[in-house]
Amino acid sequence: MRFMLLVKATQKSEAGILPEPSAFEAMRTFNESMVKAGVMLDADGLASSSKGARVSFAGGKPTVTDGPFTETTELVAGYWIISVKSKEEAIEWASPRRSMTTRWSKSGSSLKPTTSRRRVCARSARASCSGPNGKRAKKAMHEESQRRA
């Protein structure tokens, strides 16, 4: 099963303030443990909402609202996509004891299963679809498909 672990934004992350070096080290250690365990498919941090926009559609026409957005509880600062055997295993990876998510996001995180069994990559030089991380992700997806067979 694939799950997405979302790290919620904070006022500091929205202001562009980076976490303390110890939080980056904890994140690096966490990422390495997921790669070694073969569960990480993709991960990335997201820029603040000041660099983004919201797009809504009314009557078939798009309405674009440029950021920043003030309500940080609705914003995402980063994510991991993991491949695990169960929801319980995903919860274990998301637990603060293991992931230390509380060290870089005091507002916590959210865990949701994905609905797709396939990884879809645009050919437009998406970093996670090429390079060393992409190779690991493709290998993990192949291993996942072999487990299901």
N, C-alpha and C. Protein backbone atom coordinates (compact mmCIF):
# COMPACT_ATOMS: atom_id res chain seq x y z
N MET A 1 0.84 -1.18 0.00
CA MET A 1 0.00 0.00 0.00
C MET A 1 0.89 1.24 0.00
N ARG A 2 0.42 2.23 -0.71
CA ARG A 2 1.16 3.50 -0.73
C ARG A 2 0.42 4.53 0.11
N PHE A 3 1.20 5.30 0.88
CA PHE A 3 0.65 6.36 1.71
C PHE A 3 1.45 7.63 1.49
N MET A 4 0.78 8.76 1.66
CA MET A 4 1.45 10.05 1.62
C MET A 4 1.41 10.63 3.02
N LEU A 5 2.58 10.95 3.53
CA LEU A 5 2.71 11.61 4.82
C LEU A 5 2.93 13.09 4.55
N LEU A 6 1.99 13.90 4.99
CA LEU A 6 2.04 15.35 4.75
C LEU A 6 2.48 16.06 6.02
N VAL A 7 3.45 16.93 5.89
CA VAL A 7 3.90 17.76 7.01
C VAL A 7 3.24 19.12 6.87
N LYS A 8 2.52 19.51 7.89
CA LYS A 8 1.80 20.78 7.83
C LYS A 8 2.75 21.97 7.96
N ALA A 9 2.38 23.05 7.33
CA ALA A 9 3.16 24.29 7.41
C ALA A 9 2.97 24.94 8.77
N THR A 10 3.92 25.77 9.12
CA THR A 10 3.85 26.57 10.34
C THR A 10 4.05 28.04 9.96
N GLN A 11 3.86 28.93 10.91
CA GLN A 11 4.11 30.34 10.63
C GLN A 11 5.57 30.55 10.24
N LYS A 12 6.48 29.81 10.88
CA LYS A 12 7.90 29.95 10.54
C LYS A 12 8.19 29.45 9.13
N SER A 13 7.64 28.29 8.77
CA SER A 13 7.92 27.77 7.42
C SER A 13 7.31 28.69 6.36
N GLU A 14 6.17 29.27 6.65
CA GLU A 14 5.55 30.20 5.71
C GLU A 14 6.34 31.50 5.60
N ALA A 15 7.06 31.86 6.66
CA ALA A 15 7.90 33.07 6.63
C ALA A 15 9.26 32.79 5.99
N GLY A 16 9.48 31.54 5.58
CA GLY A 16 10.75 31.19 4.95
C GLY A 16 11.87 30.92 5.93
N ILE A 17 11.52 30.75 7.20
CA ILE A 17 12.52 30.46 8.23
C ILE A 17 12.79 28.96 8.23
N LEU A 18 14.04 28.60 7.99
CA LEU A 18 14.41 27.19 7.93
C LEU A 18 14.48 26.59 9.33
N PRO A 19 14.23 25.28 9.44
CA PRO A 19 14.36 24.62 10.74
C PRO A 19 15.81 24.66 11.23
N GLU A 20 15.98 24.40 12.51
CA GLU A 20 17.31 24.33 13.11
C GLU A 20 18.12 23.22 12.46
N PRO A 21 19.45 23.33 12.46
CA PRO A 21 20.28 22.26 11.89
C PRO A 21 19.98 20.88 12.47
N SER A 22 19.66 20.81 13.75
CA SER A 22 19.35 19.51 14.37
C SER A 22 18.10 18.89 13.74
N ALA A 23 17.14 19.72 13.34
CA ALA A 23 15.94 19.20 12.68
C ALA A 23 16.28 18.66 11.29
N PHE A 24 17.17 19.35 10.57
CA PHE A 24 17.61 18.85 9.26
C PHE A 24 18.34 17.52 9.42
N GLU A 25 19.15 17.41 10.45
CA GLU A 25 19.88 16.16 10.69
C GLU A 25 18.89 15.04 11.02
N ALA A 26 17.88 15.34 11.82
CA ALA A 26 16.86 14.34 12.14
C ALA A 26 16.12 13.92 10.86
N MET A 27 15.82 14.88 9.99
CA MET A 27 15.14 14.58 8.74
C MET A 27 16.02 13.70 7.84
N ARG A 28 17.31 14.03 7.78
CA ARG A 28 18.23 13.24 6.96
C ARG A 28 18.30 11.80 7.47
N THR A 29 18.40 11.64 8.78
CA THR A 29 18.45 10.31 9.39
C THR A 29 17.17 9.54 9.12
N PHE A 30 16.04 10.23 9.26
CA PHE A 30 14.74 9.61 8.99
C PHE A 30 14.65 9.17 7.53
N ASN A 31 15.03 10.06 6.61
CA ASN A 31 14.99 9.72 5.18
C ASN A 31 15.88 8.53 4.88
N GLU A 32 17.08 8.51 5.44
CA GLU A 32 17.99 7.39 5.21
C GLU A 32 17.41 6.09 5.73
N SER A 33 16.75 6.14 6.88
CA SER A 33 16.16 4.92 7.43
C SER A 33 15.03 4.40 6.54
N MET A 34 14.26 5.31 5.93
CA MET A 34 13.20 4.88 5.02
C MET A 34 13.78 4.29 3.74
N VAL A 35 14.86 4.88 3.23
CA VAL A 35 15.50 4.35 2.02
C VAL A 35 16.07 2.97 2.31
N LYS A 36 16.78 2.82 3.44
CA LYS A 36 17.37 1.53 3.81
C LYS A 36 16.29 0.46 3.99
N ALA A 37 15.14 0.85 4.53
CA ALA A 37 14.04 -0.09 4.73
C ALA A 37 13.29 -0.38 3.43
N GLY A 38 13.57 0.42 2.39
CA GLY A 38 12.93 0.21 1.10
C GLY A 38 11.50 0.70 1.02
N VAL A 39 11.12 1.64 1.90
CA VAL A 39 9.73 2.11 1.89
C VAL A 39 9.55 3.47 1.22
N MET A 40 10.62 4.28 1.12
CA MET A 40 10.46 5.62 0.55
C MET A 40 10.38 5.57 -0.97
N LEU A 41 9.33 6.18 -1.51
CA LEU A 41 9.19 6.31 -2.95
C LEU A 41 9.53 7.71 -3.42
N ASP A 42 9.18 8.71 -2.62
CA ASP A 42 9.44 10.10 -3.00
C ASP A 42 9.31 10.96 -1.76
N ALA A 43 9.95 12.11 -1.77
CA ALA A 43 9.86 13.06 -0.67
C ALA A 43 10.32 14.41 -1.18
N ASP A 44 9.75 15.48 -0.63
CA ASP A 44 10.19 16.81 -1.01
C ASP A 44 9.61 17.82 -0.04
N GLY A 45 10.27 18.95 0.05
CA GLY A 45 9.76 20.09 0.79
C GLY A 45 9.09 21.03 -0.20
N LEU A 46 8.17 21.83 0.28
CA LEU A 46 7.44 22.75 -0.58
C LEU A 46 7.74 24.19 -0.19
N ALA A 47 7.80 25.05 -1.18
CA ALA A 47 8.02 26.48 -0.93
C ALA A 47 6.81 27.06 -0.20
N SER A 48 6.99 28.21 0.39
CA SER A 48 5.89 28.86 1.11
C SER A 48 4.78 29.25 0.15
N SER A 49 3.61 29.46 0.72
CA SER A 49 2.44 29.79 -0.11
C SER A 49 2.60 31.13 -0.83
N SER A 50 3.55 31.97 -0.40
CA SER A 50 3.76 33.25 -1.08
C SER A 50 4.25 33.04 -2.51
N LYS A 51 4.79 31.87 -2.78
CA LYS A 51 5.27 31.56 -4.12
C LYS A 51 4.24 30.76 -4.93
N GLY A 52 3.09 30.47 -4.33
CA GLY A 52 2.07 29.65 -4.98
C GLY A 52 0.79 30.40 -5.26
N ALA A 53 -0.22 29.64 -5.65
CA ALA A 53 -1.53 30.20 -5.96
C ALA A 53 -2.58 29.13 -5.72
N ARG A 54 -3.81 29.56 -5.54
CA ARG A 54 -4.96 28.67 -5.49
C ARG A 54 -5.74 28.88 -6.76
N VAL A 55 -6.20 27.78 -7.32
CA VAL A 55 -7.00 27.86 -8.55
C VAL A 55 -8.35 27.21 -8.25
N SER A 56 -9.42 27.95 -8.48
CA SER A 56 -10.76 27.40 -8.32
C SER A 56 -11.52 27.59 -9.64
N PHE A 57 -12.54 26.79 -9.80
CA PHE A 57 -13.31 26.85 -11.04
C PHE A 57 -14.78 27.08 -10.72
N ALA A 58 -15.33 28.11 -11.32
CA ALA A 58 -16.75 28.42 -11.19
C ALA A 58 -17.28 28.66 -12.60
N GLY A 59 -18.29 27.91 -12.97
CA GLY A 59 -18.84 28.07 -14.31
C GLY A 59 -17.85 27.71 -15.40
N GLY A 60 -16.91 26.81 -15.09
CA GLY A 60 -15.93 26.38 -16.07
C GLY A 60 -14.77 27.33 -16.29
N LYS A 61 -14.74 28.44 -15.54
CA LYS A 61 -13.66 29.41 -15.71
C LYS A 61 -12.77 29.39 -14.47
N PRO A 62 -11.45 29.43 -14.68
CA PRO A 62 -10.55 29.42 -13.52
C PRO A 62 -10.45 30.78 -12.86
N THR A 63 -10.38 30.76 -11.54
CA THR A 63 -10.09 31.95 -10.76
C THR A 63 -8.80 31.68 -10.00
N VAL A 64 -7.81 32.52 -10.19
CA VAL A 64 -6.51 32.33 -9.57
C VAL A 64 -6.33 33.35 -8.45
N THR A 65 -5.99 32.85 -7.28
CA THR A 65 -5.69 33.70 -6.13
C THR A 65 -4.24 33.46 -5.75
N ASP A 66 -3.41 34.48 -5.93
CA ASP A 66 -2.00 34.35 -5.58
C ASP A 66 -1.82 34.35 -4.07
N GLY A 67 -0.80 33.59 -3.61
CA GLY A 67 -0.45 33.55 -2.20
C GLY A 67 0.22 34.86 -1.81
N PRO A 68 0.54 35.06 -0.58
CA PRO A 68 0.52 34.08 0.50
C PRO A 68 -0.87 33.90 1.10
N PHE A 69 -1.03 32.77 1.81
CA PHE A 69 -2.28 32.46 2.48
C PHE A 69 -2.02 32.44 3.98
N THR A 70 -2.92 33.03 4.74
CA THR A 70 -2.65 33.25 6.17
C THR A 70 -2.96 32.05 7.04
N GLU A 71 -3.88 31.20 6.67
CA GLU A 71 -4.28 30.07 7.50
C GLU A 71 -3.32 28.90 7.30
N THR A 72 -2.28 28.81 8.15
CA THR A 72 -1.25 27.79 7.95
C THR A 72 -1.74 26.38 8.21
N THR A 73 -2.82 26.20 8.97
CA THR A 73 -3.31 24.85 9.25
C THR A 73 -3.79 24.14 7.99
N GLU A 74 -4.05 24.88 6.94
CA GLU A 74 -4.52 24.29 5.68
C GLU A 74 -3.37 24.10 4.68
N LEU A 75 -2.16 24.45 5.06
CA LEU A 75 -1.04 24.43 4.12
C LEU A 75 -0.09 23.28 4.41
N VAL A 76 0.57 22.80 3.36
CA VAL A 76 1.50 21.69 3.46
C VAL A 76 2.92 22.21 3.23
N ALA A 77 3.86 21.80 4.09
CA ALA A 77 5.24 22.23 3.97
C ALA A 77 6.13 21.18 3.30
N GLY A 78 5.67 19.94 3.29
CA GLY A 78 6.46 18.88 2.67
C GLY A 78 5.71 17.56 2.71
N TYR A 79 6.31 16.54 2.09
CA TYR A 79 5.64 15.25 2.02
C TYR A 79 6.65 14.11 1.82
N TRP A 80 6.19 12.92 2.16
CA TRP A 80 6.85 11.67 1.80
C TRP A 80 5.79 10.77 1.19
N ILE A 81 6.16 10.00 0.21
CA ILE A 81 5.30 8.93 -0.29
C ILE A 81 6.03 7.64 0.04
N ILE A 82 5.33 6.76 0.77
CA ILE A 82 5.95 5.51 1.21
C ILE A 82 5.13 4.32 0.73
N SER A 83 5.79 3.20 0.61
CA SER A 83 5.15 1.94 0.23
C SER A 83 5.36 0.97 1.37
N VAL A 84 4.26 0.59 2.01
CA VAL A 84 4.31 -0.28 3.19
C VAL A 84 3.26 -1.37 3.06
N LYS A 85 3.27 -2.33 3.99
CA LYS A 85 2.35 -3.46 3.92
C LYS A 85 0.97 -3.16 4.49
N SER A 86 0.88 -2.15 5.37
CA SER A 86 -0.40 -1.90 6.03
C SER A 86 -0.49 -0.46 6.51
N LYS A 87 -1.71 -0.08 6.87
CA LYS A 87 -1.93 1.25 7.46
C LYS A 87 -1.18 1.36 8.78
N GLU A 88 -1.14 0.27 9.54
CA GLU A 88 -0.45 0.27 10.82
C GLU A 88 1.05 0.55 10.64
N GLU A 89 1.65 -0.05 9.60
CA GLU A 89 3.07 0.22 9.33
C GLU A 89 3.27 1.68 8.92
N ALA A 90 2.34 2.22 8.14
CA ALA A 90 2.43 3.64 7.75
C ALA A 90 2.34 4.53 8.98
N ILE A 91 1.45 4.19 9.90
CA ILE A 91 1.31 4.97 11.14
C ILE A 91 2.60 4.89 11.94
N GLU A 92 3.22 3.72 11.98
CA GLU A 92 4.49 3.57 12.69
C GLU A 92 5.56 4.48 12.09
N TRP A 93 5.65 4.54 10.75
CA TRP A 93 6.63 5.43 10.11
C TRP A 93 6.30 6.90 10.39
N ALA A 94 5.02 7.22 10.52
CA ALA A 94 4.62 8.61 10.75
C ALA A 94 4.70 9.02 12.22
N SER A 95 4.89 8.07 13.12
CA SER A 95 4.88 8.39 14.54
C SER A 95 6.04 9.32 14.89
N PRO A 96 5.80 10.28 15.78
CA PRO A 96 6.87 11.21 16.17
C PRO A 96 8.10 10.50 16.73
N ARG A 97 7.91 9.36 17.39
CA ARG A 97 9.04 8.62 17.94
C ARG A 97 9.99 8.19 16.83
N ARG A 98 9.43 7.82 15.68
CA ARG A 98 10.26 7.34 14.59
C ARG A 98 10.64 8.46 13.63
N SER A 99 9.65 9.24 13.19
CA SER A 99 9.91 10.23 12.15
C SER A 99 10.41 11.56 12.69
N MET A 100 10.15 11.82 13.95
CA MET A 100 10.54 13.08 14.57
C MET A 100 9.91 14.27 13.85
N THR A 101 8.71 14.07 13.27
CA THR A 101 8.05 15.16 12.54
C THR A 101 7.81 16.36 13.43
N THR A 102 7.62 16.13 14.71
CA THR A 102 7.36 17.27 15.59
C THR A 102 8.57 18.19 15.71
N ARG A 103 9.75 17.70 15.35
CA ARG A 103 10.95 18.55 15.43
C ARG A 103 10.96 19.60 14.34
N TRP A 104 10.28 19.36 13.21
CA TRP A 104 10.28 20.38 12.17
C TRP A 104 8.89 20.89 11.83
N SER A 105 7.86 20.37 12.47
CA SER A 105 6.53 20.92 12.28
C SER A 105 5.71 20.71 13.54
N LYS A 106 5.63 21.73 14.36
CA LYS A 106 4.89 21.63 15.62
C LYS A 106 3.40 21.37 15.39
N SER A 107 2.92 21.65 14.18
CA SER A 107 1.50 21.46 13.90
C SER A 107 1.19 20.02 13.51
N GLY A 108 2.21 19.16 13.39
CA GLY A 108 1.97 17.75 13.14
C GLY A 108 1.97 17.38 11.67
N SER A 109 1.38 16.22 11.42
CA SER A 109 1.37 15.70 10.07
C SER A 109 0.07 14.96 9.82
N SER A 110 -0.13 14.59 8.58
CA SER A 110 -1.33 13.88 8.16
C SER A 110 -0.89 12.69 7.31
N LEU A 111 -1.59 11.59 7.40
CA LEU A 111 -1.25 10.39 6.65
C LEU A 111 -2.47 9.94 5.86
N LYS A 112 -2.30 9.78 4.55
CA LYS A 112 -3.42 9.36 3.70
C LYS A 112 -2.95 8.30 2.72
N PRO A 113 -3.78 7.27 2.48
CA PRO A 113 -3.42 6.30 1.45
C PRO A 113 -3.63 6.91 0.07
N THR A 114 -2.84 6.46 -0.89
CA THR A 114 -3.06 6.91 -2.26
C THR A 114 -4.09 5.99 -2.90
N THR A 115 -4.71 6.45 -3.97
CA THR A 115 -5.71 5.63 -4.65
C THR A 115 -5.15 4.92 -5.86
N SER A 116 -3.97 5.31 -6.29
CA SER A 116 -3.37 4.73 -7.48
C SER A 116 -2.33 3.69 -7.09
N ARG A 117 -2.25 2.62 -7.88
CA ARG A 117 -1.23 1.61 -7.67
C ARG A 117 -0.02 1.87 -8.54
N ARG A 118 -0.13 2.77 -9.47
CA ARG A 118 0.96 3.05 -10.40
C ARG A 118 1.57 4.39 -10.09
N ARG A 119 2.84 4.49 -10.32
CA ARG A 119 3.54 5.77 -10.22
C ARG A 119 3.48 6.42 -11.60
N VAL A 120 3.05 7.64 -11.65
CA VAL A 120 2.93 8.35 -12.91
C VAL A 120 3.95 9.49 -12.91
N CYS A 121 4.81 9.52 -13.92
CA CYS A 121 5.81 10.57 -14.03
C CYS A 121 5.63 11.31 -15.35
N ALA A 122 5.62 12.61 -15.27
CA ALA A 122 5.64 13.41 -16.49
C ALA A 122 7.05 13.33 -17.05
N ARG A 123 7.20 13.39 -18.33
CA ARG A 123 8.53 13.33 -18.94
C ARG A 123 9.24 14.67 -18.87
N SER A 124 8.64 15.65 -18.24
CA SER A 124 9.21 17.00 -18.22
C SER A 124 10.25 17.19 -17.13
N ALA A 125 11.22 16.30 -17.07
CA ALA A 125 12.38 16.43 -16.17
C ALA A 125 11.99 16.54 -14.71
N ARG A 126 10.98 15.80 -14.29
CA ARG A 126 10.62 15.77 -12.87
C ARG A 126 11.75 15.09 -12.12
N ALA A 127 12.32 15.78 -11.15
CA ALA A 127 13.51 15.29 -10.46
C ALA A 127 13.29 13.92 -9.82
N SER A 128 12.09 13.68 -9.27
CA SER A 128 11.88 12.41 -8.58
C SER A 128 11.73 11.25 -9.56
N CYS A 129 11.64 11.53 -10.85
CA CYS A 129 11.50 10.46 -11.84
C CYS A 129 12.82 10.12 -12.50
N SER A 130 13.87 10.82 -12.14
CA SER A 130 15.18 10.54 -12.71
C SER A 130 16.23 10.72 -11.63
N GLY A 131 17.43 10.35 -11.92
CA GLY A 131 18.49 10.49 -10.94
C GLY A 131 18.43 9.43 -9.87
N PRO A 132 19.27 9.53 -8.84
CA PRO A 132 19.37 8.48 -7.83
C PRO A 132 18.07 8.23 -7.07
N ASN A 133 17.34 9.30 -6.71
CA ASN A 133 16.08 9.10 -5.99
C ASN A 133 15.06 8.42 -6.88
N GLY A 134 15.01 8.78 -8.14
CA GLY A 134 14.08 8.15 -9.07
C GLY A 134 14.39 6.68 -9.26
N LYS A 135 15.67 6.33 -9.31
CA LYS A 135 16.06 4.92 -9.45
C LYS A 135 15.61 4.12 -8.23
N ARG A 136 15.79 4.70 -7.03
CA ARG A 136 15.34 4.02 -5.81
C ARG A 136 13.82 3.87 -5.83
N ALA A 137 13.12 4.92 -6.26
CA ALA A 137 11.66 4.86 -6.29
C ALA A 137 11.19 3.81 -7.28
N LYS A 138 11.81 3.77 -8.45
CA LYS A 138 11.42 2.76 -9.44
C LYS A 138 11.70 1.36 -8.93
N LYS A 139 12.84 1.17 -8.25
CA LYS A 139 13.17 -0.13 -7.69
C LYS A 139 12.14 -0.52 -6.63
N ALA A 140 11.77 0.43 -5.76
CA ALA A 140 10.78 0.15 -4.72
C ALA A 140 9.44 -0.21 -5.34
N MET A 141 9.05 0.51 -6.40
CA MET A 141 7.78 0.20 -7.07
C MET A 141 7.84 -1.19 -7.69
N HIS A 142 8.97 -1.55 -8.29
CA HIS A 142 9.11 -2.88 -8.89
C HIS A 142 9.00 -3.95 -7.80
N GLU A 143 9.70 -3.73 -6.68
CA GLU A 143 9.64 -4.70 -5.58
C GLU A 143 8.23 -4.81 -5.02
N GLU A 144 7.51 -3.68 -4.95
CA GLU A 144 6.13 -3.71 -4.47
C GLU A 144 5.27 -4.52 -5.41
N SER A 145 5.42 -4.35 -6.71
CA SER A 145 4.61 -5.09 -7.67
C SER A 145 4.94 -6.59 -7.60
N GLN A 146 6.20 -6.94 -7.32
CA GLN A 146 6.59 -8.35 -7.18
C GLN A 146 5.94 -8.96 -5.92
N ARG A 147 5.86 -8.17 -4.85
CA ARG A 147 5.22 -8.68 -3.62
C ARG A 147 3.75 -8.97 -3.86
N ARG A 148 3.11 -8.13 -4.66
CA ARG A 148 1.67 -8.31 -4.91
C ARG A 148 1.39 -9.46 -5.85
N ALA A 149 2.35 -9.81 -6.67
CA ALA A 149 2.14 -10.87 -7.68
C ALA A 149 2.04 -12.24 -7.03
